[in-house]
Amino acid sequence: MQLAIVRQALDLFTTVSQPRTTVRAPFEWSPDHAWRDLYARVDDSNREALRRKGELRRQQQQSAKSAGKTRAPMID
């Protein structure tokens, strides 16, 4: 699916004739959209883990900035 989306995007570069052209990919994550209720959810079950990851990310960004780098590596 990812390869098909990249190919569609690259094809669009060569075929588009007007600015702001939008093409919808023919894929859906799930036919029942139940995933939307959980996507990027913050609640009591994950709040502390997300807070720790955010703090670690800010520390990495500050360290990279101090070292003259423009971006810190992504964390899992």
C-alpha atoms as a PDB file:
ATOM      1  CA  MET A   1       0.000   0.000   0.000  1.00  0.00           C
ATOM      2  CA  GLN A   2       2.809   2.434   0.845  1.00  0.00           C
ATOM      3  CA  LEU A   3       4.503   1.787  -2.478  1.00  0.00           C
ATOM      4  CA  ALA A   4       1.225   2.379  -4.317  1.00  0.00           C
ATOM      5  CA  ILE A   5       0.738   5.691  -2.504  1.00  0.00           C
ATOM      6  CA  VAL A   6       4.280   6.840  -3.333  1.00  0.00           C
ATOM      7  CA  ARG A   7       3.780   5.865  -6.968  1.00  0.00           C
ATOM      8  CA  GLN A   8       0.503   7.777  -7.069  1.00  0.00           C
ATOM      9  CA  ALA A   9       2.224  10.838  -5.598  1.00  0.00           C
ATOM     10  CA  LEU A  10       5.093  10.669  -8.080  1.00  0.00           C
ATOM     11  CA  ASP A  11       2.659  10.227 -10.957  1.00  0.00           C
ATOM     12  CA  LEU A  12       0.790  13.292  -9.766  1.00  0.00           C
ATOM     13  CA  PHE A  13       3.972  15.366 -10.123  1.00  0.00           C
ATOM     14  CA  THR A  14       4.079  14.579 -13.819  1.00  0.00           C
ATOM     15  CA  THR A  15       0.365  14.812 -14.605  1.00  0.00           C
ATOM     16  CA  VAL A  16      -0.985  17.702 -12.560  1.00  0.00           C
ATOM     17  CA  SER A  17      -1.914  20.743 -14.623  1.00  0.00           C
ATOM     18  CA  GLN A  18      -3.249  23.129 -11.960  1.00  0.00           C
ATOM     19  CA  PRO A  19      -2.129  24.241  -8.504  1.00  0.00           C
ATOM     20  CA  ARG A  20      -3.943  22.822  -5.469  1.00  0.00           C
ATOM     21  CA  THR A  21      -4.809  19.599  -7.271  1.00  0.00           C
ATOM     22  CA  THR A  22      -5.893  16.892  -4.830  1.00  0.00           C
ATOM     23  CA  VAL A  23      -6.124  13.185  -5.545  1.00  0.00           C
ATOM     24  CA  ARG A  24      -7.596  10.790  -3.025  1.00  0.00           C
ATOM     25  CA  ALA A  25      -5.807   7.462  -2.528  1.00  0.00           C
ATOM     26  CA  PRO A  26      -8.098   4.454  -2.812  1.00  0.00           C
ATOM     27  CA  PHE A  27      -7.158   3.038   0.603  1.00  0.00           C
ATOM     28  CA  GLU A  28      -8.771   3.012   4.045  1.00  0.00           C
ATOM     29  CA  TRP A  29      -7.192   1.941   7.330  1.00  0.00           C
ATOM     30  CA  SER A  30     -10.246   0.032   8.418  1.00  0.00           C
ATOM     31  CA  PRO A  31     -13.764  -0.265   7.080  1.00  0.00           C
ATOM     32  CA  ASP A  32     -15.241   0.446  10.516  1.00  0.00           C
ATOM     33  CA  HIS A  33     -13.318   3.599  11.591  1.00  0.00           C
ATOM     34  CA  ALA A  34     -13.199   2.368  15.228  1.00  0.00           C
ATOM     35  CA  TRP A  35      -9.454   3.133  15.186  1.00  0.00           C
ATOM     36  CA  ARG A  36     -10.260   6.856  15.184  1.00  0.00           C
ATOM     37  CA  ASP A  37     -11.381   6.706  18.814  1.00  0.00           C
ATOM     38  CA  LEU A  38      -7.967   5.378  19.885  1.00  0.00           C
ATOM     39  CA  TYR A  39      -5.638   7.231  17.506  1.00  0.00           C
ATOM     40  CA  ALA A  40      -3.459   9.727  19.399  1.00  0.00           C
ATOM     41  CA  ARG A  41      -5.563   9.316  22.534  1.00  0.00           C
ATOM     42  CA  VAL A  42      -4.198  10.693  25.787  1.00  0.00           C
ATOM     43  CA  ASP A  43      -5.843   9.387  28.951  1.00  0.00           C
ATOM     44  CA  ASP A  44      -4.894   8.189  32.423  1.00  0.00           C
ATOM     45  CA  SER A  45      -3.573   4.879  31.076  1.00  0.00           C
ATOM     46  CA  ASN A  46      -0.807   6.510  28.999  1.00  0.00           C
ATOM     47  CA  ARG A  47      -0.468  10.066  30.279  1.00  0.00           C
ATOM     48  CA  GLU A  48       2.662   9.476  32.381  1.00  0.00           C
ATOM     49  CA  ALA A  49       4.474   7.509  29.650  1.00  0.00           C
ATOM     50  CA  LEU A  50       3.708  10.253  27.123  1.00  0.00           C
ATOM     51  CA  ARG A  51       4.911  12.914  29.565  1.00  0.00           C
ATOM     52  CA  ARG A  52       8.223  11.039  30.002  1.00  0.00           C
ATOM     53  CA  LYS A  53       8.652  10.649  26.237  1.00  0.00           C
ATOM     54  CA  GLY A  54       7.969  14.343  25.746  1.00  0.00           C
ATOM     55  CA  GLU A  55      10.508  15.296  28.381  1.00  0.00           C
ATOM     56  CA  LEU A  56      13.108  12.969  26.832  1.00  0.00           C
ATOM     57  CA  ARG A  57      12.413  14.456  23.405  1.00  0.00           C
ATOM     58  CA  ARG A  58      12.851  18.010  24.721  1.00  0.00           C
ATOM     59  CA  GLN A  59      16.165  16.998  26.344  1.00  0.00           C
ATOM     60  CA  GLN A  60      17.361  15.456  23.075  1.00  0.00           C
ATOM     61  CA  GLN A  61      16.374  18.563  21.146  1.00  0.00           C
ATOM     62  CA  GLN A  62      18.209  20.820  23.592  1.00  0.00           C
ATOM     63  CA  SER A  63      21.290  18.601  23.470  1.00  0.00           C
ATOM     64  CA  ALA A  64      21.258  18.593  19.663  1.00  0.00           C
ATOM     65  CA  LYS A  65      20.804  22.358  19.595  1.00  0.00           C
ATOM     66  CA  SER A  66      23.746  22.819  21.968  1.00  0.00           C
ATOM     67  CA  ALA A  67      25.869  20.583  19.698  1.00  0.00           C
ATOM     68  CA  GLY A  68      24.940  22.672  16.657  1.00  0.00           C
ATOM     69  CA  LYS A  69      22.709  20.048  15.083  1.00  0.00           C
ATOM     70  CA  THR A  70      19.409  21.075  13.545  1.00  0.00           C
ATOM     71  CA  ARG A  71      17.416  17.966  14.515  1.00  0.00           C
ATOM     72  CA  ALA A  72      17.526  15.386  17.257  1.00  0.00           C
ATOM     73  CA  PRO A  73      16.984  11.718  16.374  1.00  0.00           C
ATOM     74  CA  MET A  74      13.424  10.422  16.677  1.00  0.00           C
ATOM     75  CA  ILE A  75      12.534   8.290  19.709  1.00  0.00           C
ATOM     76  CA  ASP A  76      10.323   5.213  19.760  1.00  0.00           C
END
